[in-house]
N, C-alpha and C. Protein backbone atom coordinates (compact mmCIF):
# COMPACT_ATOMS: atom_id res chain seq x y z
N MET A 1 36.51 26.67 -39.09
CA MET A 1 35.09 26.53 -39.24
C MET A 1 34.60 26.05 -37.72
N GLU A 2 35.22 25.26 -37.17
CA GLU A 2 34.87 24.87 -35.75
C GLU A 2 34.51 26.05 -34.69
N ARG A 3 35.47 26.84 -34.97
CA ARG A 3 35.20 28.08 -33.92
C ARG A 3 33.98 28.71 -33.88
N ARG A 4 33.26 28.86 -35.31
CA ARG A 4 32.11 29.53 -35.35
C ARG A 4 30.87 28.43 -34.84
N LEU A 5 31.04 27.21 -34.79
CA LEU A 5 30.13 26.33 -34.41
C LEU A 5 30.11 26.37 -32.79
N THR A 6 31.10 26.61 -32.00
CA THR A 6 31.17 26.57 -30.52
C THR A 6 30.66 28.05 -30.09
N GLU A 7 30.80 29.02 -30.92
CA GLU A 7 30.35 30.30 -30.53
C GLU A 7 28.77 30.60 -31.27
N HIS A 8 28.12 29.61 -31.13
CA HIS A 8 26.77 29.99 -31.57
C HIS A 8 25.96 30.86 -30.85
N ARG A 9 25.34 31.80 -31.61
CA ARG A 9 24.41 32.67 -30.95
C ARG A 9 23.11 32.36 -31.88
N PRO A 10 21.94 32.09 -31.22
CA PRO A 10 20.86 31.83 -32.12
C PRO A 10 20.28 32.95 -32.96
N THR A 11 20.01 32.57 -34.20
CA THR A 11 19.30 33.52 -35.16
C THR A 11 18.01 32.83 -35.68
N TRP A 12 17.24 33.50 -36.42
CA TRP A 12 16.09 32.92 -36.96
C TRP A 12 16.15 31.92 -38.01
N LEU A 13 17.47 31.91 -38.79
CA LEU A 13 17.61 31.18 -39.70
C LEU A 13 18.34 29.59 -39.04
N CYS A 14 18.98 29.84 -38.05
CA CYS A 14 19.65 28.67 -37.42
C CYS A 14 19.59 28.76 -35.78
N PRO A 15 18.36 28.37 -35.44
CA PRO A 15 18.20 28.60 -33.97
C PRO A 15 19.15 27.84 -32.87
N ASP A 16 19.69 26.74 -33.54
CA ASP A 16 20.71 25.94 -32.63
C ASP A 16 21.90 25.62 -33.22
N ALA A 17 22.81 25.22 -32.53
CA ALA A 17 24.09 24.99 -33.19
C ALA A 17 24.20 23.56 -34.18
N ALA A 18 23.18 22.73 -33.95
CA ALA A 18 23.18 21.44 -34.81
C ALA A 18 22.57 22.03 -35.95
N SER A 19 21.69 22.98 -36.09
CA SER A 19 21.20 23.61 -37.40
C SER A 19 22.28 24.40 -38.33
N ARG A 20 22.92 25.12 -37.79
CA ARG A 20 24.20 25.84 -38.19
C ARG A 20 25.33 24.67 -38.77
N ALA A 21 25.41 23.76 -38.04
CA ALA A 21 26.58 22.66 -38.55
C ALA A 21 26.00 22.01 -39.71
N ARG A 22 24.75 21.67 -39.65
CA ARG A 22 24.05 21.03 -40.89
C ARG A 22 24.22 22.11 -42.11
N LEU A 23 23.81 23.39 -41.93
CA LEU A 23 23.88 24.41 -43.03
C LEU A 23 25.34 24.52 -43.53
N LEU A 24 26.38 24.62 -42.83
CA LEU A 24 27.55 24.87 -43.15
C LEU A 24 28.20 23.39 -43.84
N ASP A 25 27.71 22.20 -43.36
CA ASP A 25 28.11 20.85 -43.84
C ASP A 25 27.66 20.72 -45.21
N MET A 26 26.32 21.26 -45.57
CA MET A 26 25.59 20.98 -46.91
C MET A 26 26.08 22.00 -47.62
N ASP A 27 26.71 23.28 -47.27
CA ASP A 27 27.21 24.06 -48.05
C ASP A 27 28.67 23.71 -48.90
N GLU A 28 29.31 23.05 -47.84
CA GLU A 28 30.46 22.41 -48.28
C GLU A 28 30.32 21.32 -49.45
N ARG A 29 29.30 20.45 -49.03
CA ARG A 29 29.03 19.41 -49.92
C ARG A 29 28.51 19.84 -51.37
N LEU A 30 27.76 20.92 -51.35
CA LEU A 30 27.11 21.58 -52.56
C LEU A 30 28.03 22.29 -53.19
N ARG A 31 29.06 22.59 -52.90
CA ARG A 31 30.02 23.65 -53.74
C ARG A 31 30.37 23.12 -54.92
N ARG A 32 30.98 22.10 -55.15
CA ARG A 32 31.36 21.52 -56.46
C ARG A 32 30.05 21.26 -57.45
N PRO A 33 29.03 20.60 -56.90
CA PRO A 33 27.80 20.77 -57.73
C PRO A 33 27.47 22.22 -58.28
N ARG A 34 27.38 22.90 -57.23
CA ARG A 34 26.99 24.30 -57.63
C ARG A 34 27.91 25.14 -58.66
N ALA A 35 29.17 24.81 -58.56
CA ALA A 35 30.07 25.32 -59.72
C ALA A 35 29.91 24.65 -60.90
N ALA A 36 29.60 23.17 -60.95
CA ALA A 36 29.40 22.47 -62.21
C ALA A 36 28.19 23.01 -63.01
N ALA A 37 27.15 23.31 -62.14
CA ALA A 37 25.73 23.98 -62.59
C ALA A 37 26.01 25.37 -63.27
N LEU A 38 27.00 26.21 -62.60
CA LEU A 38 27.16 27.53 -63.34
C LEU A 38 28.07 27.26 -64.39
N GLY A 39 28.82 26.40 -64.56
CA GLY A 39 29.72 26.19 -65.52
C GLY A 39 28.94 25.83 -66.86
N LEU A 40 27.89 24.80 -66.55
CA LEU A 40 27.05 24.16 -67.76
C LEU A 40 25.99 25.43 -68.22
N LEU A 41 25.62 26.26 -67.30
CA LEU A 41 24.79 27.41 -67.52
C LEU A 41 25.76 28.33 -68.35
N GLY A 42 26.87 28.71 -68.06
CA GLY A 42 27.68 29.43 -68.75
C GLY A 42 28.05 29.28 -70.18
N PHE A 43 28.16 27.53 -70.16
CA PHE A 43 28.42 26.99 -71.62
C PHE A 43 27.04 27.17 -72.38
N GLY A 44 25.88 27.23 -71.82
CA GLY A 44 24.77 27.24 -72.62
C GLY A 44 24.38 28.69 -72.90
N VAL A 45 24.88 29.72 -72.04
CA VAL A 45 24.67 31.17 -72.42
C VAL A 45 25.68 31.45 -73.67
N ALA A 46 26.92 30.93 -73.57
CA ALA A 46 27.90 31.18 -74.46
C ALA A 46 27.34 30.72 -75.78
N ALA A 47 26.88 29.42 -75.79
CA ALA A 47 26.47 28.99 -77.25
C ALA A 47 25.21 29.80 -77.74
N ALA A 48 24.50 30.30 -77.01
CA ALA A 48 23.33 31.07 -77.30
C ALA A 48 23.41 32.69 -77.59
N ILE A 49 24.77 33.12 -77.54
CA ILE A 49 25.15 34.48 -78.01
C ILE A 49 24.74 34.84 -79.13
N PRO A 50 24.90 34.11 -80.23
CA PRO A 50 24.49 34.41 -81.52
C PRO A 50 22.96 34.71 -81.81
N TYR A 51 22.34 33.94 -80.94
CA TYR A 51 20.94 34.03 -80.91
C TYR A 51 20.19 35.07 -80.07
N LEU A 52 20.64 35.29 -78.80
CA LEU A 52 20.31 36.22 -77.81
C LEU A 52 21.16 37.40 -77.56
N GLY A 53 22.24 37.32 -78.10
CA GLY A 53 23.09 38.50 -77.88
C GLY A 53 23.85 38.42 -76.59
N TRP A 54 24.45 39.59 -76.27
CA TRP A 54 25.42 39.53 -75.04
C TRP A 54 24.68 39.67 -73.70
N GLY A 55 23.46 40.15 -73.64
CA GLY A 55 22.69 40.52 -72.44
C GLY A 55 22.71 39.38 -71.51
N PRO A 56 22.25 38.06 -71.65
CA PRO A 56 22.31 37.06 -70.71
C PRO A 56 23.67 36.78 -70.35
N LEU A 57 24.62 37.04 -70.95
CA LEU A 57 26.11 36.76 -70.46
C LEU A 57 26.38 38.08 -69.28
N GLY A 58 25.88 39.08 -69.43
CA GLY A 58 26.07 39.85 -68.09
C GLY A 58 25.26 39.52 -67.05
N LEU A 59 24.09 39.00 -67.10
CA LEU A 59 23.22 38.35 -66.15
C LEU A 59 24.01 37.37 -65.63
N LEU A 60 24.57 36.36 -66.30
CA LEU A 60 25.30 35.16 -65.73
C LEU A 60 26.46 35.70 -64.95
N ALA A 61 27.10 36.79 -65.32
CA ALA A 61 28.33 37.17 -64.47
C ALA A 61 27.78 37.94 -63.15
N CYS A 62 26.69 38.51 -63.09
CA CYS A 62 25.97 38.94 -61.94
C CYS A 62 25.62 37.68 -61.04
N ALA A 63 25.23 36.80 -61.67
CA ALA A 63 24.81 35.67 -60.75
C ALA A 63 26.01 34.99 -60.19
N VAL A 64 27.13 34.79 -61.06
CA VAL A 64 28.44 34.30 -60.45
C VAL A 64 28.97 35.06 -59.37
N LEU A 65 28.77 36.51 -59.53
CA LEU A 65 29.50 37.33 -58.60
C LEU A 65 28.66 37.27 -57.39
N ALA A 66 27.34 37.37 -57.43
CA ALA A 66 26.40 37.15 -56.30
C ALA A 66 26.79 35.66 -55.46
N LEU A 67 26.94 34.64 -56.15
CA LEU A 67 27.37 33.45 -55.58
C LEU A 67 28.70 33.42 -54.95
N LEU A 68 29.80 34.10 -55.41
CA LEU A 68 31.08 34.38 -54.96
C LEU A 68 31.01 35.12 -53.61
N GLY A 69 30.17 36.12 -53.66
CA GLY A 69 30.00 37.20 -52.52
C GLY A 69 29.30 36.48 -51.36
N ALA A 70 28.35 35.65 -51.65
CA ALA A 70 27.61 34.77 -50.63
C ALA A 70 28.64 33.93 -50.09
N SER A 71 29.45 33.27 -50.77
CA SER A 71 30.29 32.17 -50.07
C SER A 71 31.25 32.86 -49.36
N ARG A 72 31.90 34.01 -49.66
CA ARG A 72 32.83 34.82 -48.83
C ARG A 72 32.25 35.43 -47.78
N LEU A 73 31.10 35.93 -47.93
CA LEU A 73 30.42 36.13 -46.76
C LEU A 73 29.97 35.20 -45.74
N ALA A 74 29.80 34.11 -46.04
CA ALA A 74 29.57 32.94 -45.29
C ALA A 74 30.82 32.43 -44.56
N GLN A 75 31.89 32.59 -45.24
CA GLN A 75 33.28 32.24 -44.69
C GLN A 75 33.66 33.03 -43.45
N HIS A 76 33.40 34.48 -43.66
CA HIS A 76 34.00 35.27 -42.93
C HIS A 76 32.92 36.11 -41.84
N ALA A 77 31.74 35.76 -41.89
CA ALA A 77 30.71 36.36 -41.02
C ALA A 77 30.66 35.50 -39.80
N PRO A 78 30.11 36.33 -38.85
CA PRO A 78 30.24 35.57 -37.19
C PRO A 78 28.89 34.69 -37.60
N ALA A 79 27.95 35.18 -38.24
CA ALA A 79 26.67 34.35 -38.51
C ALA A 79 26.60 34.15 -40.07
N PRO A 80 27.23 32.84 -40.51
CA PRO A 80 27.26 32.64 -41.84
C PRO A 80 25.98 32.26 -42.46
N GLU A 81 24.93 32.00 -41.73
CA GLU A 81 23.60 31.59 -42.49
C GLU A 81 23.23 32.97 -43.27
N TYR A 82 23.53 34.26 -42.77
CA TYR A 82 22.95 35.14 -43.47
C TYR A 82 23.81 35.43 -44.97
N GLY A 83 24.90 34.99 -44.91
CA GLY A 83 25.61 34.90 -46.29
C GLY A 83 25.23 33.94 -47.22
N LEU A 84 24.83 32.64 -46.63
CA LEU A 84 24.14 31.78 -47.28
C LEU A 84 22.66 31.99 -47.74
N ALA A 85 22.04 32.68 -46.96
CA ALA A 85 20.58 33.13 -47.33
C ALA A 85 20.37 33.88 -48.68
N THR A 86 21.66 34.34 -49.10
CA THR A 86 21.43 35.11 -50.47
C THR A 86 21.79 34.36 -51.60
N LEU A 87 21.94 32.88 -51.43
CA LEU A 87 22.34 31.82 -52.59
C LEU A 87 21.01 31.87 -53.44
N PRO A 88 19.80 32.14 -53.11
CA PRO A 88 18.86 32.03 -54.32
C PRO A 88 18.92 33.01 -55.32
N TRP A 89 19.64 34.11 -55.37
CA TRP A 89 19.92 35.04 -56.31
C TRP A 89 20.27 34.61 -57.56
N PRO A 90 21.21 33.91 -57.57
CA PRO A 90 21.68 33.28 -58.88
C PRO A 90 20.58 32.54 -59.76
N PRO A 91 19.61 31.72 -59.18
CA PRO A 91 18.59 31.13 -59.89
C PRO A 91 17.43 32.37 -60.41
N LEU A 92 17.41 33.30 -59.48
CA LEU A 92 16.54 34.42 -59.95
C LEU A 92 17.10 35.23 -60.91
N VAL A 93 18.48 35.45 -60.97
CA VAL A 93 18.82 36.16 -62.07
C VAL A 93 18.77 35.49 -63.44
N SER A 94 19.11 33.95 -63.36
CA SER A 94 18.91 33.41 -64.56
C SER A 94 17.59 33.29 -65.05
N SER A 95 16.45 33.24 -63.98
CA SER A 95 15.18 33.18 -64.53
C SER A 95 14.89 34.52 -65.21
N ALA A 96 15.33 35.76 -64.64
CA ALA A 96 15.11 36.94 -65.49
C ALA A 96 15.64 36.91 -66.68
N ALA A 97 16.79 36.49 -66.95
CA ALA A 97 17.46 36.58 -68.39
C ALA A 97 16.67 35.31 -69.13
N THR A 98 15.99 34.28 -68.64
CA THR A 98 15.28 33.57 -69.39
C THR A 98 13.78 34.24 -69.97
N SER A 99 13.23 35.00 -68.88
CA SER A 99 12.01 35.66 -69.26
C SER A 99 12.45 36.81 -70.34
N ARG A 100 13.45 37.34 -70.01
CA ARG A 100 13.88 38.46 -71.12
C ARG A 100 14.18 38.26 -72.30
N SER A 101 14.86 36.98 -72.48
CA SER A 101 15.27 36.60 -73.88
C SER A 101 14.00 35.77 -74.44
N SER A 102 13.13 35.17 -73.69
CA SER A 102 11.87 34.67 -74.35
C SER A 102 10.84 35.72 -74.80
N SER A 103 10.93 36.99 -73.95
CA SER A 103 10.09 37.94 -74.33
C SER A 103 10.60 38.84 -75.48
N ALA A 104 11.88 38.76 -75.66
CA ALA A 104 12.54 39.48 -77.03
C ALA A 104 12.31 38.59 -78.00
N TYR A 105 12.10 37.11 -77.96
CA TYR A 105 11.94 36.26 -79.12
C TYR A 105 10.55 36.42 -79.55
N ALA A 106 9.60 36.42 -78.55
CA ALA A 106 8.24 36.61 -78.84
C ALA A 106 8.04 37.92 -79.48
N THR A 107 8.62 39.03 -79.11
CA THR A 107 8.41 40.20 -79.91
C THR A 107 8.87 40.28 -81.25
N SER A 108 10.26 39.68 -81.49
CA SER A 108 10.74 39.64 -82.81
C SER A 108 9.88 38.55 -83.68
N ARG A 109 9.32 37.74 -83.14
CA ARG A 109 8.33 36.76 -83.98
C ARG A 109 7.23 37.61 -84.24
N MET A 110 6.50 38.41 -83.48
CA MET A 110 5.53 39.22 -83.68
C MET A 110 5.80 40.09 -85.02
N ALA A 111 6.96 40.78 -84.97
CA ALA A 111 7.39 41.89 -85.80
C ALA A 111 7.58 41.18 -87.26
N HIS A 112 8.01 39.83 -87.28
CA HIS A 112 8.37 39.26 -88.41
C HIS A 112 7.02 38.74 -89.01
N SER A 113 6.11 38.35 -88.18
CA SER A 113 4.94 37.91 -88.65
C SER A 113 3.77 38.95 -89.33
N ALA A 114 4.09 40.10 -88.74
CA ALA A 114 3.19 41.33 -89.43
C ALA A 114 3.52 41.81 -90.90
């Protein structure tokens, strides 16, 4: 990791070496909390399978794969900030799952009330 810090070429995400060092340090510090959050999300999705079906589990798998891909890209890319810039995808996928499940719930409630 130190090699990448000494060979810094400015990018719009990390204009200087200190910015890149902070980004990589925070990525390391947040690795375990990020994994714990995804584990809890997985537990919640698994508990909701009887109510929501298997769809949210597929979306969770997409979020986990996106997170793993971003982490690997950040470890092997000459500019790791581009790999870490993809980290907002898992929350966006879980938001899509939530909106999809809530709209399905609302639709089923309307069908039963009619």
